[in-house]
Amino acid sequence: MKKLILSFFVGGVLGGVAGFAVGIFVYPYIFLADIVADERIGNVESKQKVAIGEFIHANPIDPVHYGGGKTSVYKDIVHLEQDFEVGPGPAYHVYLVPGDGDVTPDTDVAATMFVDLGRLRAFKGSQIYPIPQGVDVKKYGSVVIWCEHFGVLISPAKLVYR
C-alpha cells in the first residue's frame, strides 16, 4: 500500500512539473501576443532616422530568452524591423534605457530612468512604438525587450546615433 501511495505522489509531482514546463512555452502563444506582426511606417520618407541598433541574445547559455533583428529610432517612434524576433514569454515590454547602451543581464534596468514604450505586440516582425512627447531620444543608449513579470532582460539593442 505504501508503494502505491508513493507511486501516486511521485507521479503527481512529475506530472505537475511537466505540465508547468509545457504551460510556460504554450501560454504566451495563446494569451499574450501575436506570433507575427507587420506594422509599417506611414510616409517613411519624411521621417529622419536618428539611430539604429541590433538586438542580441543577452545570455547565450539561456535558450529561452533570446532576441535578434534590427531596430530604427526616429524622433517620435521606435521601429522594430521586419527581421525582429524574440523567444515567447509573458509581459514583454519595449523600453528605452539611458546610458552608454551596454545593457547586460547584470544591469539593473528597473533602477534606471527607462521609458516604457508599451507591451510587445508580437514575438516576430515589424512593430511601431510611439515615443512620448518631451523625451529626448539622444539620452537613451538602448532599446530593450524586458519581461516585467519576471524582471528579466530578454534582448538589448545598443543604439548607434547618426
Foldseek 3Di string as FASTA:
>chain_A
DVVVVVVVVVVVVVVVVVVVVVCQQVVQPPPPADAEDEDDDPPVVPWDWFKKWWKAAQDVVDPQQTWTAMWTDTQWKIKGAQATATHGGPFKWKKFFFDQQPDHQPDQRVPTPIDTQGTDHHRGGIDMTTDDPPDDSVRGQWIFTARPVVRTTRIIIGIDGD
